[in-house]
C-alpha cells in the first residue's frame, strides 16, 4: 500500500494544478488508514484468542 501512496504523491507533484489529483490523494490516504485499521483489529483479535 505504501507503494501506491508514493505513486500518488509523485502524480501530485507532477500534476499539482489539477483538482482531481488532490481528490485522489485524499482517497488513497483514507483507504490506507482503513486498511491499517482493519489489519490491526484483525491482528488484535488473533492476539486475544491466543491469550484466552
N, C-alpha and C. Protein backbone atom coordinates (compact mmCIF):
# COMPACT_ATOMS: atom_id res chain seq x y z
N UNK A 1 0.82 -1.19 0.00
CA UNK A 1 0.00 0.00 0.00
C UNK A 1 0.86 1.26 0.00
N UNK A 2 2.01 1.19 0.62
CA UNK A 2 2.88 2.37 0.64
C UNK A 2 3.37 2.72 -0.75
N UNK A 3 3.55 1.72 -1.61
CA UNK A 3 3.97 1.98 -2.98
C UNK A 3 2.90 2.79 -3.71
N UNK A 4 1.65 2.47 -3.44
CA UNK A 4 0.54 3.18 -4.06
C UNK A 4 0.52 4.64 -3.62
N UNK A 5 0.75 4.87 -2.34
CA UNK A 5 0.79 6.23 -1.82
C UNK A 5 1.96 7.01 -2.41
N UNK A 6 3.10 6.36 -2.56
CA UNK A 6 4.25 7.02 -3.19
C UNK A 6 3.94 7.40 -4.64
N UNK A 7 3.27 6.53 -5.34
CA UNK A 7 2.89 6.80 -6.72
C UNK A 7 1.95 8.00 -6.79
N UNK A 8 0.98 8.05 -5.90
CA UNK A 8 0.03 9.17 -5.89
C UNK A 8 0.75 10.47 -5.56
N UNK A 9 1.69 10.43 -4.64
CA UNK A 9 2.44 11.64 -4.31
C UNK A 9 3.24 12.13 -5.51
N UNK A 10 3.77 11.18 -6.27
CA UNK A 10 4.50 11.54 -7.48
C UNK A 10 3.57 12.21 -8.49
N UNK A 11 2.36 11.69 -8.61
CA UNK A 11 1.38 12.28 -9.51
C UNK A 11 1.01 13.69 -9.04
N UNK A 12 0.87 13.87 -7.75
CA UNK A 12 0.54 15.20 -7.20
C UNK A 12 1.65 16.19 -7.55
N UNK A 13 2.89 15.76 -7.41
CA UNK A 13 4.00 16.66 -7.74
C UNK A 13 3.99 17.05 -9.22
N UNK A 14 3.61 16.11 -10.06
CA UNK A 14 3.63 16.36 -11.49
C UNK A 14 2.41 17.15 -11.98
N UNK A 15 1.26 16.83 -11.44
CA UNK A 15 0.02 17.47 -11.88
C UNK A 15 -0.62 18.27 -10.75
N UNK A 16 0.16 19.06 -10.06
CA UNK A 16 -0.30 19.78 -8.87
C UNK A 16 -1.42 20.77 -9.16
N UNK A 17 -1.57 21.18 -10.41
CA UNK A 17 -2.56 22.20 -10.74
C UNK A 17 -3.96 21.65 -11.03
N UNK A 18 -4.13 20.36 -10.91
CA UNK A 18 -5.43 19.75 -11.19
C UNK A 18 -6.10 19.30 -9.90
N UNK A 19 -7.35 19.67 -9.75
CA UNK A 19 -8.10 19.39 -8.53
C UNK A 19 -8.29 17.88 -8.31
N UNK A 20 -8.46 17.13 -9.38
CA UNK A 20 -8.71 15.69 -9.26
C UNK A 20 -7.56 14.95 -8.60
N UNK A 21 -6.36 15.46 -8.78
CA UNK A 21 -5.19 14.82 -8.19
C UNK A 21 -5.26 14.87 -6.67
N UNK A 22 -5.70 15.98 -6.13
CA UNK A 22 -5.81 16.10 -4.68
C UNK A 22 -6.92 15.20 -4.14
N UNK A 23 -7.98 15.07 -4.90
CA UNK A 23 -9.04 14.14 -4.51
C UNK A 23 -8.51 12.71 -4.48
N UNK A 24 -7.70 12.37 -5.46
CA UNK A 24 -7.10 11.04 -5.50
C UNK A 24 -6.20 10.82 -4.29
N UNK A 25 -5.42 11.82 -3.93
CA UNK A 25 -4.52 11.71 -2.78
C UNK A 25 -5.32 11.52 -1.49
N UNK A 26 -6.39 12.26 -1.34
CA UNK A 26 -7.23 12.12 -0.14
C UNK A 26 -7.85 10.72 -0.10
N UNK A 27 -8.34 10.25 -1.23
CA UNK A 27 -8.93 8.92 -1.30
C UNK A 27 -7.92 7.85 -0.90
N UNK A 28 -6.71 7.93 -1.43
CA UNK A 28 -5.69 6.94 -1.12
C UNK A 28 -5.33 6.98 0.37
N UNK A 29 -5.24 8.17 0.94
CA UNK A 29 -4.92 8.30 2.35
C UNK A 29 -6.00 7.65 3.22
N UNK A 30 -7.27 7.87 2.86
CA UNK A 30 -8.38 7.29 3.62
C UNK A 30 -8.38 5.77 3.50
N UNK A 31 -8.20 5.27 2.29
CA UNK A 31 -8.18 3.82 2.08
C UNK A 31 -7.01 3.19 2.84
N UNK A 32 -5.88 3.86 2.83
CA UNK A 32 -4.71 3.35 3.56
C UNK A 32 -4.99 3.27 5.06
N UNK A 33 -5.59 4.31 5.60
CA UNK A 33 -5.93 4.31 7.03
C UNK A 33 -6.92 3.21 7.37
N UNK A 34 -7.93 3.04 6.55
CA UNK A 34 -8.92 1.99 6.80
C UNK A 34 -8.29 0.60 6.70
N UNK A 35 -7.37 0.44 5.76
CA UNK A 35 -6.68 -0.85 5.61
C UNK A 35 -5.85 -1.15 6.85
N UNK A 36 -5.08 -0.15 7.31
CA UNK A 36 -4.29 -0.35 8.52
C UNK A 36 -5.19 -0.65 9.72
N UNK A 37 -6.27 0.05 9.83
CA UNK A 37 -7.20 -0.17 10.94
C UNK A 37 -7.73 -1.59 10.94
N UNK A 38 -8.16 -2.05 9.78
CA UNK A 38 -8.68 -3.41 9.67
C UNK A 38 -7.60 -4.44 10.00
N UNK A 39 -6.39 -4.20 9.51
CA UNK A 39 -5.28 -5.10 9.78
C UNK A 39 -5.00 -5.19 11.28
N UNK A 40 -4.94 -4.05 11.96
CA UNK A 40 -4.64 -4.05 13.39
C UNK A 40 -5.78 -4.64 14.22
N UNK A 41 -7.01 -4.39 13.80
CA UNK A 41 -8.14 -5.00 14.51
C UNK A 41 -8.10 -6.52 14.37
N UNK A 42 -7.80 -7.00 13.18
CA UNK A 42 -7.71 -8.44 12.95
C UNK A 42 -6.55 -9.03 13.74
N UNK A 43 -5.44 -8.33 13.74
CA UNK A 43 -4.26 -8.78 14.48
C UNK A 43 -4.54 -8.80 15.98
N UNK A 44 -5.24 -7.81 16.47
CA UNK A 44 -5.58 -7.73 17.89
C UNK A 44 -6.51 -8.88 18.28
N UNK A 45 -7.46 -9.20 17.42
CA UNK A 45 -8.38 -10.30 17.70
C UNK A 45 -7.63 -11.62 17.77
N UNK A 46 -6.67 -11.82 16.90
CA UNK A 46 -5.86 -13.04 16.93
C UNK A 46 -5.07 -13.11 18.23
N UNK A 47 -4.53 -11.97 18.63
CA UNK A 47 -3.73 -11.91 19.85
C UNK A 47 -4.59 -12.25 21.07
N UNK A 48 -5.82 -11.76 21.11
CA UNK A 48 -6.71 -12.05 22.22
C UNK A 48 -7.10 -13.52 22.24
N UNK A 49 -7.29 -14.13 21.07
CA UNK A 49 -7.62 -15.56 21.01
C UNK A 49 -6.49 -16.41 21.56
N UNK A 50 -5.27 -16.02 21.25
CA UNK A 50 -4.11 -16.78 21.72
C UNK A 50 -3.92 -16.67 23.22
N UNK A 51 -4.32 -15.56 23.81
CA UNK A 51 -4.17 -15.38 25.27
C UNK A 51 -5.27 -16.08 26.04
N UNK A 52 -6.45 -16.11 25.48
CA UNK A 52 -7.57 -16.61 26.27
C UNK A 52 -8.06 -17.87 25.75
